[in-house]
Amino acid sequence: MTRANWLATGAGIILGLIFLAAGLGKLLNPMESSIIFVFPDFLPNAVDKFIYEWLPRIEVLIGVLLVTGVIARLVASFALPLTVGLIANNTILLIQGLGDKPCNCFGAAERWVQLRLSIAGALYIDIVMLILGIMILFYYRGKFISINPWFLRRN
């Protein structure tokens, strides 16, 4: 494998671990994961409910698939719009002056590692996630839809 392939594989593992930590932290203790989302008034409460109930599950699924490398490019193409949405949300909150508020992005996982991540800090992580996703999309070895994990691929 070339250096770009190894970097893309590493990017997939790192991005997958971030999504796994965020999703599992929210799933294991939903009461601690009071994430602040900016919703326009015209969106129904169903969208709000969908995000709070399904976002952690989607994050865990994305994380598992990226860490293993199964359909990594396809998963990265779904993770990028999600990451852009998180960046937009945190940017709006930052503009509103809430940058020092805790984001609770990782739910109970923040308490386990004794970390209080602010909205501004979460924005930095989101930007890194965007870069990692782009690396996976463009430099990951193999076909766009490859079901073989990265550790079982041959040269």
N, C-alpha and C. Protein backbone atom coordinates (compact mmCIF):
# COMPACT_ATOMS: atom_id res chain seq x y z
N MET A 1 0.84 -1.18 0.00
CA MET A 1 0.00 0.00 0.00
C MET A 1 0.88 1.24 0.00
N THR A 2 0.41 2.25 -0.66
CA THR A 2 1.17 3.50 -0.71
C THR A 2 0.93 4.30 0.57
N ARG A 3 1.71 5.35 0.69
CA ARG A 3 1.59 6.21 1.87
C ARG A 3 0.20 6.85 1.95
N ALA A 4 -0.35 7.27 0.82
CA ALA A 4 -1.69 7.87 0.80
C ALA A 4 -2.74 6.87 1.25
N ASN A 5 -2.57 5.59 0.85
CA ASN A 5 -3.51 4.56 1.29
C ASN A 5 -3.45 4.35 2.79
N TRP A 6 -2.24 4.32 3.33
CA TRP A 6 -2.09 4.15 4.77
C TRP A 6 -2.67 5.35 5.53
N LEU A 7 -2.45 6.55 5.01
CA LEU A 7 -3.01 7.74 5.64
C LEU A 7 -4.54 7.72 5.60
N ALA A 8 -5.10 7.30 4.49
CA ALA A 8 -6.55 7.22 4.36
C ALA A 8 -7.13 6.15 5.28
N THR A 9 -6.43 5.03 5.42
CA THR A 9 -6.87 3.99 6.34
C THR A 9 -6.81 4.49 7.77
N GLY A 10 -5.73 5.18 8.12
CA GLY A 10 -5.62 5.78 9.45
C GLY A 10 -6.69 6.83 9.69
N ALA A 11 -6.98 7.62 8.66
CA ALA A 11 -8.04 8.62 8.77
C ALA A 11 -9.38 7.95 9.03
N GLY A 12 -9.62 6.82 8.36
CA GLY A 12 -10.87 6.09 8.57
C GLY A 12 -10.98 5.56 9.99
N ILE A 13 -9.89 5.06 10.52
CA ILE A 13 -9.91 4.53 11.89
C ILE A 13 -10.13 5.67 12.89
N ILE A 14 -9.43 6.78 12.71
CA ILE A 14 -9.57 7.91 13.63
C ILE A 14 -10.99 8.48 13.57
N LEU A 15 -11.48 8.71 12.36
CA LEU A 15 -12.84 9.24 12.20
C LEU A 15 -13.87 8.27 12.77
N GLY A 16 -13.66 7.00 12.53
CA GLY A 16 -14.57 5.99 13.07
C GLY A 16 -14.57 5.97 14.59
N LEU A 17 -13.40 6.12 15.21
CA LEU A 17 -13.33 6.16 16.67
C LEU A 17 -14.03 7.39 17.23
N ILE A 18 -13.92 8.52 16.54
CA ILE A 18 -14.62 9.73 16.98
C ILE A 18 -16.13 9.51 16.93
N PHE A 19 -16.61 8.95 15.82
CA PHE A 19 -18.05 8.69 15.71
C PHE A 19 -18.50 7.66 16.74
N LEU A 20 -17.69 6.61 16.97
CA LEU A 20 -18.04 5.60 17.97
C LEU A 20 -18.13 6.21 19.37
N ALA A 21 -17.16 7.03 19.74
CA ALA A 21 -17.16 7.65 21.06
C ALA A 21 -18.38 8.56 21.24
N ALA A 22 -18.69 9.32 20.20
CA ALA A 22 -19.84 10.23 20.29
C ALA A 22 -21.15 9.45 20.38
N GLY A 23 -21.30 8.46 19.54
CA GLY A 23 -22.54 7.69 19.53
C GLY A 23 -22.74 6.86 20.79
N LEU A 24 -21.71 6.16 21.21
CA LEU A 24 -21.83 5.33 22.41
C LEU A 24 -22.03 6.18 23.66
N GLY A 25 -21.34 7.32 23.73
CA GLY A 25 -21.52 8.21 24.88
C GLY A 25 -22.95 8.70 25.00
N LYS A 26 -23.58 8.98 23.87
CA LYS A 26 -24.97 9.44 23.88
C LYS A 26 -25.94 8.29 24.16
N LEU A 27 -25.64 7.11 23.63
CA LEU A 27 -26.54 5.97 23.83
C LEU A 27 -26.50 5.44 25.25
N LEU A 28 -25.32 5.41 25.86
CA LEU A 28 -25.18 4.82 27.19
C LEU A 28 -25.81 5.67 28.28
N ASN A 29 -25.87 6.96 28.09
CA ASN A 29 -26.52 7.82 29.06
C ASN A 29 -27.21 8.97 28.33
N PRO A 30 -28.40 8.74 27.82
CA PRO A 30 -29.08 9.76 27.03
C PRO A 30 -29.39 11.04 27.82
N MET A 31 -29.51 10.94 29.13
CA MET A 31 -29.84 12.11 29.94
C MET A 31 -28.68 13.11 29.98
N GLU A 32 -27.44 12.62 29.84
CA GLU A 32 -26.28 13.50 29.87
C GLU A 32 -26.02 14.16 28.53
N SER A 33 -26.58 13.65 27.48
CA SER A 33 -26.28 14.16 26.16
C SER A 33 -27.33 15.15 25.70
N SER A 34 -27.43 16.24 26.42
CA SER A 34 -28.37 17.29 26.04
C SER A 34 -27.67 18.22 25.05
N ILE A 35 -27.59 17.78 23.82
CA ILE A 35 -26.88 18.51 22.77
C ILE A 35 -27.69 19.74 22.41
N ILE A 36 -26.98 20.81 22.12
CA ILE A 36 -27.66 22.03 21.69
C ILE A 36 -27.69 22.04 20.17
N PHE A 37 -28.89 22.01 19.61
CA PHE A 37 -29.05 22.10 18.17
C PHE A 37 -29.83 23.36 17.84
N VAL A 38 -29.50 23.96 16.73
CA VAL A 38 -30.21 25.13 16.24
C VAL A 38 -31.23 24.64 15.22
N PHE A 39 -32.49 24.77 15.55
CA PHE A 39 -33.55 24.36 14.63
C PHE A 39 -34.34 25.59 14.20
N PRO A 40 -34.51 25.76 12.90
CA PRO A 40 -35.40 26.83 12.46
C PRO A 40 -36.83 26.55 12.92
N ASP A 41 -37.61 27.59 13.08
CA ASP A 41 -38.98 27.45 13.59
C ASP A 41 -39.88 26.63 12.68
N PHE A 42 -39.56 26.60 11.38
CA PHE A 42 -40.46 25.90 10.46
C PHE A 42 -40.28 24.39 10.48
N LEU A 43 -39.23 23.87 11.13
CA LEU A 43 -39.04 22.42 11.20
C LEU A 43 -39.96 21.83 12.27
N PRO A 44 -40.60 20.73 11.97
CA PRO A 44 -41.50 20.13 12.96
C PRO A 44 -40.72 19.46 14.09
N ASN A 45 -41.43 19.17 15.15
CA ASN A 45 -40.81 18.49 16.30
C ASN A 45 -40.34 17.09 15.95
N ALA A 46 -40.89 16.52 14.88
CA ALA A 46 -40.47 15.17 14.46
C ALA A 46 -39.00 15.16 14.06
N VAL A 47 -38.52 16.25 13.46
CA VAL A 47 -37.11 16.33 13.08
C VAL A 47 -36.25 16.37 14.34
N ASP A 48 -36.69 17.15 15.31
CA ASP A 48 -35.99 17.24 16.58
C ASP A 48 -35.91 15.87 17.25
N LYS A 49 -37.04 15.17 17.30
CA LYS A 49 -37.10 13.84 17.91
C LYS A 49 -36.23 12.85 17.14
N PHE A 50 -36.26 12.93 15.81
CA PHE A 50 -35.45 12.04 14.98
C PHE A 50 -33.97 12.21 15.30
N ILE A 51 -33.53 13.45 15.40
CA ILE A 51 -32.10 13.69 15.66
C ILE A 51 -31.70 13.17 17.02
N TYR A 52 -32.48 13.42 18.04
CA TYR A 52 -32.10 12.98 19.38
C TYR A 52 -32.16 11.46 19.54
N GLU A 53 -33.06 10.80 18.81
CA GLU A 53 -33.18 9.35 18.95
C GLU A 53 -32.27 8.58 18.01
N TRP A 54 -32.10 9.08 16.78
CA TRP A 54 -31.39 8.30 15.78
C TRP A 54 -29.95 8.73 15.54
N LEU A 55 -29.60 9.95 15.86
CA LEU A 55 -28.23 10.41 15.64
C LEU A 55 -27.20 9.52 16.33
N PRO A 56 -27.37 9.15 17.61
CA PRO A 56 -26.37 8.26 18.23
C PRO A 56 -26.24 6.92 17.54
N ARG A 57 -27.34 6.35 17.10
CA ARG A 57 -27.29 5.05 16.41
C ARG A 57 -26.58 5.17 15.07
N ILE A 58 -26.85 6.25 14.36
CA ILE A 58 -26.18 6.48 13.08
C ILE A 58 -24.69 6.68 13.29
N GLU A 59 -24.32 7.41 14.35
CA GLU A 59 -22.91 7.64 14.64
C GLU A 59 -22.18 6.34 14.97
N VAL A 60 -22.82 5.46 15.73
CA VAL A 60 -22.20 4.16 16.05
C VAL A 60 -22.03 3.33 14.78
N LEU A 61 -23.04 3.29 13.94
CA LEU A 61 -22.94 2.53 12.69
C LEU A 61 -21.82 3.08 11.80
N ILE A 62 -21.77 4.40 11.64
CA ILE A 62 -20.69 5.01 10.85
C ILE A 62 -19.34 4.67 11.46
N GLY A 63 -19.24 4.75 12.77
CA GLY A 63 -17.98 4.46 13.45
C GLY A 63 -17.50 3.04 13.23
N VAL A 64 -18.38 2.07 13.39
CA VAL A 64 -18.01 0.66 13.21
C VAL A 64 -17.57 0.41 11.78
N LEU A 65 -18.33 0.92 10.82
CA LEU A 65 -17.98 0.68 9.42
C LEU A 65 -16.66 1.36 9.04
N LEU A 66 -16.39 2.55 9.57
CA LEU A 66 -15.13 3.22 9.24
C LEU A 66 -13.93 2.55 9.91
N VAL A 67 -14.08 2.13 11.15
CA VAL A 67 -12.96 1.47 11.84
C VAL A 67 -12.60 0.17 11.14
N THR A 68 -13.60 -0.58 10.71
CA THR A 68 -13.31 -1.85 10.04
C THR A 68 -12.93 -1.66 8.58
N GLY A 69 -13.34 -0.55 7.99
CA GLY A 69 -13.02 -0.30 6.59
C GLY A 69 -14.01 -0.91 5.62
N VAL A 70 -15.15 -1.37 6.13
CA VAL A 70 -16.18 -1.94 5.27
C VAL A 70 -16.95 -0.78 4.64
N ILE A 71 -17.05 -0.77 3.33
CA ILE A 71 -17.66 0.29 2.53
C ILE A 71 -17.27 1.69 3.04
N ALA A 72 -15.98 1.86 3.29
CA ALA A 72 -15.48 3.09 3.91
C ALA A 72 -15.75 4.33 3.08
N ARG A 73 -15.54 4.24 1.79
CA ARG A 73 -15.78 5.43 0.94
C ARG A 73 -17.26 5.81 0.93
N LEU A 74 -18.13 4.83 0.83
CA LEU A 74 -19.56 5.09 0.84
C LEU A 74 -19.98 5.69 2.18
N VAL A 75 -19.49 5.13 3.25
CA VAL A 75 -19.81 5.65 4.59
C VAL A 75 -19.27 7.06 4.76
N ALA A 76 -18.07 7.32 4.27
CA ALA A 76 -17.50 8.67 4.35
C ALA A 76 -18.35 9.66 3.57
N SER A 77 -18.91 9.22 2.45
CA SER A 77 -19.76 10.12 1.67
C SER A 77 -21.05 10.45 2.42
N PHE A 78 -21.51 9.57 3.31
CA PHE A 78 -22.66 9.88 4.16
C PHE A 78 -22.25 10.67 5.40
N ALA A 79 -21.05 10.43 5.88
CA ALA A 79 -20.58 11.12 7.08
C ALA A 79 -20.25 12.59 6.80
N LEU A 80 -19.83 12.90 5.57
CA LEU A 80 -19.46 14.28 5.26
C LEU A 80 -20.64 15.26 5.39
N PRO A 81 -21.83 14.96 4.83
CA PRO A 81 -22.94 15.90 5.05
C PRO A 81 -23.33 16.03 6.53
N LEU A 82 -23.25 14.94 7.26
CA LEU A 82 -23.52 14.99 8.70
C LEU A 82 -22.52 15.91 9.40
N THR A 83 -21.25 15.77 9.03
CA THR A 83 -20.21 16.61 9.62
C THR A 83 -20.40 18.08 9.23
N VAL A 84 -20.78 18.34 7.99
CA VAL A 84 -21.04 19.72 7.56
C VAL A 84 -22.22 20.30 8.36
N GLY A 85 -23.22 19.49 8.63
CA GLY A 85 -24.34 19.93 9.45
C GLY A 85 -23.92 20.28 10.86
N LEU A 86 -23.02 19.46 11.43
CA LEU A 86 -22.50 19.74 12.77
C LEU A 86 -21.68 21.02 12.77
N ILE A 87 -20.89 21.22 11.72
CA ILE A 87 -20.09 22.44 11.61
C ILE A 87 -21.02 23.66 11.52
N ALA A 88 -22.07 23.56 10.70
CA ALA A 88 -23.01 24.67 10.56
C ALA A 88 -23.70 24.97 11.89
N ASN A 89 -24.13 23.93 12.59
CA ASN A 89 -24.80 24.10 13.87
C ASN A 89 -23.87 24.78 14.89
N ASN A 90 -22.65 24.28 15.01
CA ASN A 90 -21.72 24.85 15.97
C ASN A 90 -21.29 26.26 15.59
N THR A 91 -21.21 26.55 14.30
CA THR A 91 -20.87 27.90 13.85
C THR A 91 -21.98 28.88 14.24
N ILE A 92 -23.22 28.47 14.05
CA ILE A 92 -24.34 29.34 14.42
C ILE A 92 -24.35 29.58 15.93
N LEU A 93 -24.11 28.53 16.70
CA LEU A 93 -24.06 28.69 18.15
C LEU A 93 -22.90 29.60 18.56
N LEU A 94 -21.78 29.48 17.87
CA LEU A 94 -20.62 30.33 18.16
C LEU A 94 -20.94 31.79 17.84
N ILE A 95 -21.61 32.04 16.74
CA ILE A 95 -22.01 33.39 16.36
C ILE A 95 -22.98 33.98 17.38
N GLN A 96 -23.82 33.12 17.96
CA GLN A 96 -24.77 33.58 18.97
C GLN A 96 -24.12 33.82 20.32
N GLY A 97 -22.82 33.58 20.42
CA GLY A 97 -22.10 33.83 21.66
C GLY A 97 -22.11 32.69 22.65
N LEU A 98 -22.40 31.49 22.19
CA LEU A 98 -22.46 30.33 23.07
C LEU A 98 -21.21 29.45 22.96
N GLY A 99 -20.11 30.00 22.48
CA GLY A 99 -18.90 29.22 22.23
C GLY A 99 -18.29 28.59 23.46
N ASP A 100 -18.52 29.17 24.65
CA ASP A 100 -17.92 28.62 25.86
C ASP A 100 -18.84 27.64 26.59
N LYS A 101 -20.05 27.45 26.10
CA LYS A 101 -20.98 26.50 26.70
C LYS A 101 -20.54 25.07 26.39
N PRO A 102 -20.81 24.13 27.30
CA PRO A 102 -20.46 22.73 26.98
C PRO A 102 -21.37 22.19 25.88
N CYS A 103 -20.78 21.44 24.97
CA CYS A 103 -21.58 20.94 23.84
C CYS A 103 -22.20 19.58 24.13
N ASN A 104 -21.64 18.82 25.04
CA ASN A 104 -22.14 17.46 25.35
C ASN A 104 -22.18 16.58 24.12
N CYS A 105 -21.28 16.80 23.20
CA CYS A 105 -21.26 16.05 21.94
C CYS A 105 -20.95 14.57 22.15
N PHE A 106 -20.22 14.27 23.21
CA PHE A 106 -19.82 12.89 23.44
C PHE A 106 -20.58 12.26 24.61
N GLY A 107 -21.60 12.94 25.10
CA GLY A 107 -22.45 12.39 26.14
C GLY A 107 -21.68 11.97 27.37
N ALA A 108 -21.93 10.74 27.82
CA ALA A 108 -21.29 10.21 29.03
C ALA A 108 -19.80 10.00 28.84
N ALA A 109 -19.34 9.88 27.61
CA ALA A 109 -17.91 9.67 27.35
C ALA A 109 -17.09 10.87 27.82
N GLU A 110 -17.66 12.06 27.80
CA GLU A 110 -16.95 13.24 28.29
C GLU A 110 -16.67 13.12 29.78
N ARG A 111 -17.63 12.58 30.52
CA ARG A 111 -17.45 12.41 31.97
C ARG A 111 -16.41 11.34 32.25
N TRP A 112 -16.40 10.27 31.46
CA TRP A 112 -15.46 9.18 31.69
C TRP A 112 -14.02 9.63 31.54
N VAL A 113 -13.76 10.48 30.58
CA VAL A 113 -12.39 10.95 30.37
C VAL A 113 -12.15 12.30 31.03
N GLN A 114 -13.11 12.73 31.84
CA GLN A 114 -13.04 13.99 32.58
C GLN A 114 -12.69 15.16 31.66
N LEU A 115 -13.52 15.32 30.67
CA LEU A 115 -13.33 16.35 29.67
C LEU A 115 -14.63 17.13 29.53
N ARG A 116 -14.53 18.44 29.47
CA ARG A 116 -15.70 19.28 29.19
C ARG A 116 -15.41 20.02 27.90
N LEU A 117 -15.97 19.52 26.82
CA LEU A 117 -15.73 20.08 25.50
C LEU A 117 -16.71 21.22 25.25
N SER A 118 -16.18 22.39 24.89
CA SER A 118 -17.03 23.53 24.59
C SER A 118 -17.51 23.45 23.14
N ILE A 119 -18.43 24.31 22.80
CA ILE A 119 -18.94 24.35 21.43
C ILE A 119 -17.82 24.77 20.48
N ALA A 120 -16.97 25.70 20.92
CA ALA A 120 -15.84 26.11 20.08
C ALA A 120 -14.88 24.95 19.87
N GLY A 121 -14.62 24.17 20.91
CA GLY A 121 -13.75 23.00 20.79
C GLY A 121 -14.36 21.94 19.89
N ALA A 122 -15.67 21.79 19.99
CA ALA A 122 -16.36 20.82 19.13
C ALA A 122 -16.27 21.25 17.67
N LEU A 123 -16.29 22.55 17.42
CA LEU A 123 -16.16 23.04 16.05
C LEU A 123 -14.80 22.67 15.47
N TYR A 124 -13.76 22.77 16.27
CA TYR A 124 -12.42 22.37 15.80
C TYR A 124 -12.39 20.88 15.48
N ILE A 125 -12.99 20.07 16.33
CA ILE A 125 -13.04 18.62 16.07
C ILE A 125 -13.84 18.33 14.80
N ASP A 126 -14.94 19.06 14.61
CA ASP A 126 -15.75 18.87 13.40
C ASP A 126 -14.97 19.19 12.13
N ILE A 127 -14.15 20.22 12.18
CA ILE A 127 -13.33 20.58 11.01
C ILE A 127 -12.31 19.49 10.72
N VAL A 128 -11.70 18.94 11.76
CA VAL A 128 -10.76 17.82 11.58
C VAL A 128 -11.50 16.62 11.01
N MET A 129 -12.72 16.38 11.48
CA MET A 129 -13.52 15.27 10.96
C MET A 129 -13.82 15.46 9.47
N LEU A 130 -14.09 16.68 9.08
CA LEU A 130 -14.34 16.97 7.66
C LEU A 130 -13.11 16.66 6.82
N ILE A 131 -11.94 17.06 7.29
CA ILE A 131 -10.69 16.78 6.56
C ILE A 131 -10.45 15.27 6.48
N LEU A 132 -10.66 14.56 7.58
CA LEU A 132 -10.48 13.10 7.57
C LEU A 132 -11.45 12.44 6.59
N GLY A 133 -12.69 12.89 6.57
CA GLY A 133 -13.67 12.32 5.65
C GLY A 133 -13.30 12.54 4.20
N ILE A 134 -12.78 13.72 3.89
CA ILE A 134 -12.34 14.00 2.51
C ILE A 134 -11.15 13.12 2.14
N MET A 135 -10.24 12.91 3.10
CA MET A 135 -9.10 12.02 2.83
C MET A 135 -9.58 10.61 2.50
N ILE A 136 -10.55 10.13 3.26
CA ILE A 136 -11.08 8.79 3.02
C ILE A 136 -11.73 8.72 1.64
N LEU A 137 -12.52 9.71 1.34
CA LEU A 137 -13.26 9.71 0.08
C LEU A 137 -12.34 9.68 -1.13
N PHE A 138 -11.24 10.41 -1.07
CA PHE A 138 -10.39 10.53 -2.25
C PHE A 138 -9.18 9.59 -2.27
N TYR A 139 -8.70 9.15 -1.11
CA TYR A 139 -7.46 8.38 -1.09
C TYR A 139 -7.60 6.96 -0.58
N TYR A 140 -8.80 6.56 -0.16
CA TYR A 140 -8.96 5.21 0.35
C TYR A 140 -8.80 4.21 -0.77
N ARG A 141 -8.08 3.15 -0.48
CA ARG A 141 -7.78 2.14 -1.50
C ARG A 141 -9.00 1.27 -1.78
N GLY A 142 -9.18 0.92 -3.01
CA GLY A 142 -10.25 0.01 -3.38
C GLY A 142 -11.41 0.72 -4.05
N LYS A 143 -12.42 -0.05 -4.31
CA LYS A 143 -13.60 0.46 -4.99
C LYS A 143 -14.44 1.31 -4.02
N PHE A 144 -15.39 2.04 -4.61
CA PHE A 144 -16.25 2.89 -3.80
C PHE A 144 -17.08 2.06 -2.83
N ILE A 145 -17.57 0.93 -3.30
CA ILE A 145 -18.33 0.02 -2.44
C ILE A 145 -17.54 -1.28 -2.34
N SER A 146 -16.71 -1.35 -1.32
CA SER A 146 -15.89 -2.54 -1.09
C SER A 146 -16.25 -3.09 0.28
N ILE A 147 -16.72 -4.34 0.33
CA ILE A 147 -17.16 -4.91 1.59
C ILE A 147 -16.03 -5.60 2.36
N ASN A 148 -14.85 -5.65 1.79
CA ASN A 148 -13.72 -6.26 2.49
C ASN A 148 -13.13 -5.27 3.48
N PRO A 149 -12.92 -5.69 4.73
CA PRO A 149 -12.28 -4.80 5.70
C PRO A 149 -10.83 -4.52 5.28
N TRP A 150 -10.28 -3.42 5.74
CA TRP A 150 -8.94 -3.01 5.33
C TRP A 150 -7.89 -4.03 5.74
N PHE A 151 -8.09 -4.73 6.84
CA PHE A 151 -7.10 -5.67 7.33
C PHE A 151 -7.12 -7.01 6.58
N LEU A 152 -8.09 -7.24 5.71
CA LEU A 152 -8.16 -8.47 4.92
C LEU A 152 -7.83 -8.24 3.45
N ARG A 153 -7.50 -7.03 3.09
CA ARG A 153 -7.20 -6.74 1.69
C ARG A 153 -5.79 -7.15 1.34
N ARG A 154 -5.63 -7.57 0.11
CA ARG A 154 -4.31 -7.93 -0.39
C ARG A 154 -3.76 -6.76 -1.18
N ASN A 155 -2.44 -6.79 -1.36
CA ASN A 155 -1.81 -5.71 -2.14
C ASN A 155 -2.21 -5.78 -3.52
